[in-house]
PDB file of N, CA and C in Angstrom:
ATOM      1  N   MET A   1      61.152  50.095  43.895  1.00  0.00           N
ATOM      2  CA  MET A   1      61.738  50.586  44.644  1.00  0.00           C
ATOM      3  C   MET A   1      63.108  50.640  45.018  1.00  0.00           C
ATOM      4  N   LYS A   2      64.046  51.121  46.072  1.00  0.00           N
ATOM      5  CA  LYS A   2      65.051  51.392  45.876  1.00  0.00           C
ATOM      6  C   LYS A   2      65.693  49.953  46.110  1.00  0.00           C
ATOM      7  N   THR A   3      67.257  49.816  46.104  1.00  0.00           N
ATOM      8  CA  THR A   3      67.831  48.721  46.706  1.00  0.00           C
ATOM      9  C   THR A   3      67.810  48.372  48.138  1.00  0.00           C
ATOM     10  N   ALA A   4      67.784  49.788  48.543  1.00  0.00           N
ATOM     11  CA  ALA A   4      68.425  49.390  50.026  1.00  0.00           C
ATOM     12  C   ALA A   4      66.891  48.866  50.631  1.00  0.00           C
ATOM     13  N   GLU A   5      65.700  50.107  49.839  1.00  0.00           N
ATOM     14  CA  GLU A   5      64.288  49.674  50.658  1.00  0.00           C
ATOM     15  C   GLU A   5      63.960  48.191  50.638  1.00  0.00           C
ATOM     16  N   LYS A   6      64.931  47.352  49.596  1.00  0.00           N
ATOM     17  CA  LYS A   6      64.106  46.576  48.689  1.00  0.00           C
ATOM     18  C   LYS A   6      64.724  45.465  50.008  1.00  0.00           C
ATOM     19  N   LYS A   7      66.191  45.314  50.426  1.00  0.00           N
ATOM     20  CA  LYS A   7      66.924  44.636  51.537  1.00  0.00           C
ATOM     21  C   LYS A   7      66.628  44.521  52.744  1.00  0.00           C
ATOM     22  N   LEU A   8      66.106  46.179  53.094  1.00  0.00           N
ATOM     23  CA  LEU A   8      65.486  46.148  54.168  1.00  0.00           C
ATOM     24  C   LEU A   8      63.421  45.054  54.728  1.00  0.00           C
ATOM     25  N   LYS A   9      62.804  45.426  53.625  1.00  0.00           N
ATOM     26  CA  LYS A   9      61.592  45.060  53.757  1.00  0.00           C
ATOM     27  C   LYS A   9      62.140  42.955  53.216  1.00  0.00           C
ATOM     28  N   ALA A  10      63.228  42.966  52.561  1.00  0.00           N
ATOM     29  CA  ALA A  10      63.606  40.937  52.523  1.00  0.00           C
ATOM     30  C   ALA A  10      64.193  40.575  53.974  1.00  0.00           C
ATOM     31  N   ALA A  11      64.767  41.763  54.543  1.00  0.00           N
ATOM     32  CA  ALA A  11      65.085  41.596  56.390  1.00  0.00           C
ATOM     33  C   ALA A  11      63.659  41.151  56.795  1.00  0.00           C
ATOM     34  N   LYS A  12      63.222  41.885  57.035  1.00  0.00           N
ATOM     35  CA  LYS A  12      61.805  41.947  58.045  1.00  0.00           C
ATOM     36  C   LYS A  12      60.815  41.212  57.268  1.00  0.00           C
ATOM     37  N   LEU A  13      61.053  40.537  56.510  1.00  0.00           N
ATOM     38  CA  LEU A  13      60.293  38.886  55.921  1.00  0.00           C
ATOM     39  C   LEU A  13      61.114  38.190  56.417  1.00  0.00           C
ATOM     40  N   ARG A  14      61.648  38.403  56.873  1.00  0.00           N
ATOM     41  CA  ARG A  14      62.547  36.797  57.285  1.00  0.00           C
ATOM     42  C   ARG A  14      62.906  37.024  58.592  1.00  0.00           C
ATOM     43  N   ILE A  15      62.716  38.158  59.390  1.00  0.00           N
ATOM     44  CA  ILE A  15      62.381  38.123  60.622  1.00  0.00           C
ATOM     45  C   ILE A  15      61.452  37.234  61.304  1.00  0.00           C
ATOM     46  N   LEU A  16      59.745  37.665  60.229  1.00  0.00           N
ATOM     47  CA  LEU A  16      59.026  37.621  60.251  1.00  0.00           C
ATOM     48  C   LEU A  16      58.832  35.629  60.529  1.00  0.00           C
ATOM     49  N   ALA A  17      59.306  35.374  59.452  1.00  0.00           N
ATOM     50  CA  ALA A  17      59.375  34.486  58.973  1.00  0.00           C
ATOM     51  C   ALA A  17      59.678  32.996  59.929  1.00  0.00           C
ATOM     52  N   THR A  18      61.204  33.367  60.616  1.00  0.00           N
ATOM     53  CA  THR A  18      61.789  32.963  61.801  1.00  0.00           C
ATOM     54  C   THR A  18      60.229  32.717  62.656  1.00  0.00           C
ATOM     55  N   GLY A  19      59.874  34.107  63.672  1.00  0.00           N
ATOM     56  CA  GLY A  19      59.246  34.506  64.503  1.00  0.00           C
ATOM     57  C   GLY A  19      58.486  32.843  63.572  1.00  0.00           C
ATOM     58  N   GLN A  20      57.403  32.794  63.217  1.00  0.00           N
ATOM     59  CA  GLN A  20      56.503  31.643  62.467  1.00  0.00           C
ATOM     60  C   GLN A  20      56.545  30.251  62.726  1.00  0.00           C
ATOM     61  N   ARG A  21      58.027  30.435  62.190  1.00  0.00           N
ATOM     62  CA  ARG A  21      59.150  28.751  62.347  1.00  0.00           C
ATOM     63  C   ARG A  21      59.040  28.593  63.641  1.00  0.00           C
ATOM     64  N   ALA A  22      59.220  29.581  64.572  1.00  0.00           N
ATOM     65  CA  ALA A  22      59.833  29.113  65.800  1.00  0.00           C
ATOM     66  C   ALA A  22      57.847  28.651  66.466  1.00  0.00           C
ATOM     67  N   MET A  23      56.992  29.781  66.283  1.00  0.00           N
ATOM     68  CA  MET A  23      56.024  29.372  66.575  1.00  0.00           C
ATOM     69  C   MET A  23      55.157  27.749  66.215  1.00  0.00           C
ATOM     70  N   ALA A  24      55.667  27.464  64.773  1.00  0.00           N
ATOM     71  CA  ALA A  24      55.179  25.947  64.061  1.00  0.00           C
ATOM     72  C   ALA A  24      56.061  25.049  64.999  1.00  0.00           C
ATOM     73  N   ALA A  25      57.167  25.278  65.730  1.00  0.00           N
ATOM     74  CA  ALA A  25      57.967  24.283  66.308  1.00  0.00           C
ATOM     75  C   ALA A  25      57.456  24.208  67.858  1.00  0.00           C
ATOM     76  N   ARG A  26      56.951  25.221  68.403  1.00  0.00           N
ATOM     77  CA  ARG A  26      56.086  25.091  69.901  1.00  0.00           C
ATOM     78  C   ARG A  26      54.817  24.253  69.565  1.00  0.00           C
ATOM     79  N   TYR A  27      53.973  24.557  68.424  1.00  0.00           N
ATOM     80  CA  TYR A  27      52.972  24.117  68.650  1.00  0.00           C
ATOM     81  C   TYR A  27      53.446  22.246  68.483  1.00  0.00           C
ATOM     82  N   ARG A  28      54.761  22.090  67.295  1.00  0.00           N
ATOM     83  CA  ARG A  28      55.047  20.862  67.214  1.00  0.00           C
ATOM     84  C   ARG A  28      55.227  20.216  68.607  1.00  0.00           C
ATOM     85  N   ARG A  29      55.790  21.280  69.487  1.00  0.00           N
ATOM     86  CA  ARG A  29      56.001  20.050  70.971  1.00  0.00           C
ATOM     87  C   ARG A  29      55.054  20.033  71.641  1.00  0.00           C
ATOM     88  N   GLN A  30      53.926  21.110  71.400  1.00  0.00           N
ATOM     89  CA  GLN A  30      53.018  20.812  72.287  1.00  0.00           C
ATOM     90  C   GLN A  30      52.005  19.061  71.626  1.00  0.00           C
ATOM     91  N   ALA A  31      52.035  19.166  70.685  1.00  0.00           N
ATOM     92  CA  ALA A  31      51.248  18.302  70.097  1.00  0.00           C
ATOM     93  C   ALA A  31      51.884  16.828  70.089  1.00  0.00           C
ATOM     94  N   ALA A  32      53.665  16.774  70.906  1.00  0.00           N
ATOM     95  CA  ALA A  32      53.694  15.769  71.677  1.00  0.00           C
ATOM     96  C   ALA A  32      53.537  15.363  72.557  1.00  0.00           C
ATOM     97  N   HIS A  33      52.943  16.233  73.367  1.00  0.00           N
ATOM     98  CA  HIS A  33      52.468  16.355  74.673  1.00  0.00           C
ATOM     99  C   HIS A  33      51.318  16.605  74.479  1.00  0.00           C
ATOM    100  N   PRO A  34      50.038  16.248  74.426  1.00  0.00           N
ATOM    101  CA  PRO A  34      48.459  16.790  74.213  1.00  0.00           C
ATOM    102  C   PRO A  34      47.994  17.104  75.430  1.00  0.00           C
ATOM    103  N   VAL A  35      47.438  18.059  76.180  1.00  0.00           N
ATOM    104  CA  VAL A  35      46.384  17.972  77.433  1.00  0.00           C
ATOM    105  C   VAL A  35      45.557  17.259  77.353  1.00  0.00           C
ATOM    106  N   TYR A  36      44.480  17.587  76.461  1.00  0.00           N
ATOM    107  CA  TYR A  36      43.304  16.883  75.619  1.00  0.00           C
ATOM    108  C   TYR A  36      43.494  16.016  74.659  1.00  0.00           C
ATOM    109  N   PRO A  37      42.224  15.356  74.613  1.00  0.00           N
ATOM    110  CA  PRO A  37      42.212  14.698  73.513  1.00  0.00           C
ATOM    111  C   PRO A  37      42.126  15.081  72.104  1.00  0.00           C
ATOM    112  N   GLY A  38      42.711  15.323  70.965  1.00  0.00           N
ATOM    113  CA  GLY A  38      42.602  15.770  70.032  1.00  0.00           C
ATOM    114  C   GLY A  38      43.581  16.745  69.813  1.00  0.00           C
ATOM    115  N   GLN A  39      43.935  17.366  70.822  1.00  0.00           N
ATOM    116  CA  GLN A  39      44.566  18.891  70.753  1.00  0.00           C
ATOM    117  C   GLN A  39      46.096  18.542  70.096  1.00  0.00           C
ATOM    118  N   ASP A  40      46.241  17.464  69.749  1.00  0.00           N
ATOM    119  CA  ASP A  40      47.946  17.093  69.052  1.00  0.00           C
ATOM    120  C   ASP A  40      47.581  17.170  67.125  1.00  0.00           C
ATOM    121  N   THR A  41      46.081  16.912  66.838  1.00  0.00           N
ATOM    122  CA  THR A  41      45.714  16.768  66.100  1.00  0.00           C
ATOM    123  C   THR A  41      45.704  18.419  65.421  1.00  0.00           C
ATOM    124  N   ILE A  42      44.981  19.410  66.319  1.00  0.00           N
ATOM    125  CA  ILE A  42      44.484  20.229  66.388  1.00  0.00           C
ATOM    126  C   ILE A  42      46.358  21.949  66.031  1.00  0.00           C
ATOM    127  N   CYS A  43      46.715  20.944  66.864  1.00  0.00           N
ATOM    128  CA  CYS A  43      48.800  21.859  66.913  1.00  0.00           C
ATOM    129  C   CYS A  43      49.536  21.638  65.502  1.00  0.00           C
ATOM    130  N   LEU A  44      49.073  19.845  65.112  1.00  0.00           N
ATOM    131  CA  LEU A  44      49.721  19.992  63.866  1.00  0.00           C
ATOM    132  C   LEU A  44      49.292  20.608  62.776  1.00  0.00           C
ATOM    133  N   ASP A  45      47.904  20.854  62.787  1.00  0.00           N
ATOM    134  CA  ASP A  45      47.171  21.682  61.932  1.00  0.00           C
ATOM    135  C   ASP A  45      48.028  22.765  61.682  1.00  0.00           C
ATOM    136  N   LYS A  46      47.346  23.769  62.839  1.00  0.00           N
ATOM    137  CA  LYS A  46      48.238  24.539  63.185  1.00  0.00           C
ATOM    138  C   LYS A  46      49.848  25.185  62.830  1.00  0.00           C
ATOM    139  N   ALA A  47      50.147  23.782  63.121  1.00  0.00           N
ATOM    140  CA  ALA A  47      51.834  24.203  62.810  1.00  0.00           C
ATOM    141  C   ALA A  47      52.225  24.151  61.458  1.00  0.00           C
ATOM    142  N   ASP A  48      51.042  23.260  60.926  1.00  0.00           N
ATOM    143  CA  ASP A  48      51.614  23.474  59.093  1.00  0.00           C
ATOM    144  C   ASP A  48      51.229  24.801  58.719  1.00  0.00           C
ATOM    145  N   GLN A  49      50.076  25.063  58.953  1.00  0.00           N
ATOM    146  CA  GLN A  49      49.558  26.184  58.629  1.00  0.00           C
ATOM    147  C   GLN A  49      50.728  27.433  58.650  1.00  0.00           C
ATOM    148  N   ILE A  50      51.117  27.460  60.246  1.00  0.00           N
ATOM    149  CA  ILE A  50      52.367  28.696  60.060  1.00  0.00           C
ATOM    150  C   ILE A  50      53.423  27.996  59.415  1.00  0.00           C
ATOM    151  N   THR A  51      53.478  26.975  59.307  1.00  0.00           N
ATOM    152  CA  THR A  51      54.914  26.626  58.303  1.00  0.00           C
ATOM    153  C   THR A  51      54.950  27.242  56.794  1.00  0.00           C
ATOM    154  N   ALA A  52      53.412  27.364  56.486  1.00  0.00           N
ATOM    155  CA  ALA A  52      53.775  27.660  55.189  1.00  0.00           C
ATOM    156  C   ALA A  52      53.306  29.350  54.873  1.00  0.00           C
ATOM    157  N   LEU A  53      52.905  29.707  55.671  1.00  0.00           N
ATOM    158  CA  LEU A  53      52.922  31.230  55.840  1.00  0.00           C
ATOM    159  C   LEU A  53      54.353  31.704  55.672  1.00  0.00           C
ATOM    160  N   ALA A  54      55.151  30.492  56.725  1.00  0.00           N
ATOM    161  CA  ALA A  54      57.007  31.058  57.051  1.00  0.00           C
ATOM    162  C   ALA A  54      57.346  31.329  54.897  1.00  0.00           C
ATOM    163  N   ALA A  55      56.973  30.299  55.115  1.00  0.00           N
ATOM    164  CA  ALA A  55      57.876  29.510  53.619  1.00  0.00           C
ATOM    165  C   ALA A  55      56.757  30.613  51.939  1.00  0.00           C
ATOM    166  N   ARG A  56      56.043  31.561  52.520  1.00  0.00           N
ATOM    167  CA  ARG A  56      55.590  32.627  51.627  1.00  0.00           C
ATOM    168  C   ARG A  56      56.152  33.488  52.112  1.00  0.00           C
ATOM    169  N   GLU A  57      56.426  33.928  53.127  1.00  0.00           N
ATOM    170  CA  GLU A  57      57.180  35.011  53.629  1.00  0.00           C
ATOM    171  C   GLU A  57      58.544  35.036  53.183  1.00  0.00           C
ATOM    172  N   GLU A  58      59.218  33.952  53.094  1.00  0.00           N
ATOM    173  CA  GLU A  58      60.739  33.320  52.501  1.00  0.00           C
ATOM    174  C   GLU A  58      60.713  33.536  51.373  1.00  0.00           C
ATOM    175  N   ALA A  59      59.886  33.220  50.445  1.00  0.00           N
ATOM    176  CA  ALA A  59      59.839  33.297  49.078  1.00  0.00           C
ATOM    177  C   ALA A  59      59.433  35.210  48.398  1.00  0.00           C
ATOM    178  N   GLU A  60      58.754  35.443  49.427  1.00  0.00           N
ATOM    179  CA  GLU A  60      58.927  37.191  49.302  1.00  0.00           C
ATOM    180  C   GLU A  60      59.768  37.808  49.152  1.00  0.00           C
ATOM    181  N   ALA A  61      60.871  37.185  50.307  1.00  0.00           N
ATOM    182  CA  ALA A  61      62.134  37.885  50.307  1.00  0.00           C
ATOM    183  C   ALA A  61      63.042  37.657  49.257  1.00  0.00           C
ATOM    184  N   ALA A  62      63.224  36.201  48.659  1.00  0.00           N
ATOM    185  CA  ALA A  62      63.552  35.656  47.693  1.00  0.00           C
ATOM    186  C   ALA A  62      63.348  36.852  46.085  1.00  0.00           C
ATOM    187  N   ILE A  63      62.138  36.731  46.213  1.00  0.00           N
ATOM    188  CA  ILE A  63      61.682  37.539  44.998  1.00  0.00           C
ATOM    189  C   ILE A  63      62.624  38.906  44.898  1.00  0.00           C
ATOM    190  N   LEU A  64      62.260  39.400  46.456  1.00  0.00           N
ATOM    191  CA  LEU A  64      62.637  41.218  46.294  1.00  0.00           C
ATOM    192  C   LEU A  64      64.403  41.345  46.366  1.00  0.00           C
ATOM    193  N   ASP A  65      65.007  40.103  46.774  1.00  0.00           N
ATOM    194  CA  ASP A  65      66.558  39.587  46.576  1.00  0.00           C
ATOM    195  C   ASP A  65      66.642  39.805  45.246  1.00  0.00           C
ATOM    196  N   ALA A  66      66.462  39.342  44.249  1.00  0.00           N
ATOM    197  CA  ALA A  66      66.229  38.833  42.731  1.00  0.00           C
ATOM    198  C   ALA A  66      65.931  40.143  42.097  1.00  0.00           C
ATOM    199  N   GLY A  67      65.380  40.580  42.733  1.00  0.00           N
ATOM    200  CA  GLY A  67      64.887  41.958  41.874  1.00  0.00           C
ATOM    201  C   GLY A  67      65.549  43.202  41.749  1.00  0.00           C
TER     202      GLY A  67
END
């Protein structure tokens, strides 16, 4: 893969990760103000999952940058 293509793919992955982290933050805010019993747990679980996905995207971007 060419250097410019790698940089482009890494940038796209970072953009995706930024959106995922914003979504995780929204879930965490909702968890602080649950509408129904148990919603806080559900929202925190989703936030953790999405944060992990964002970390994966950022790691893939770092690999592309290093390679």
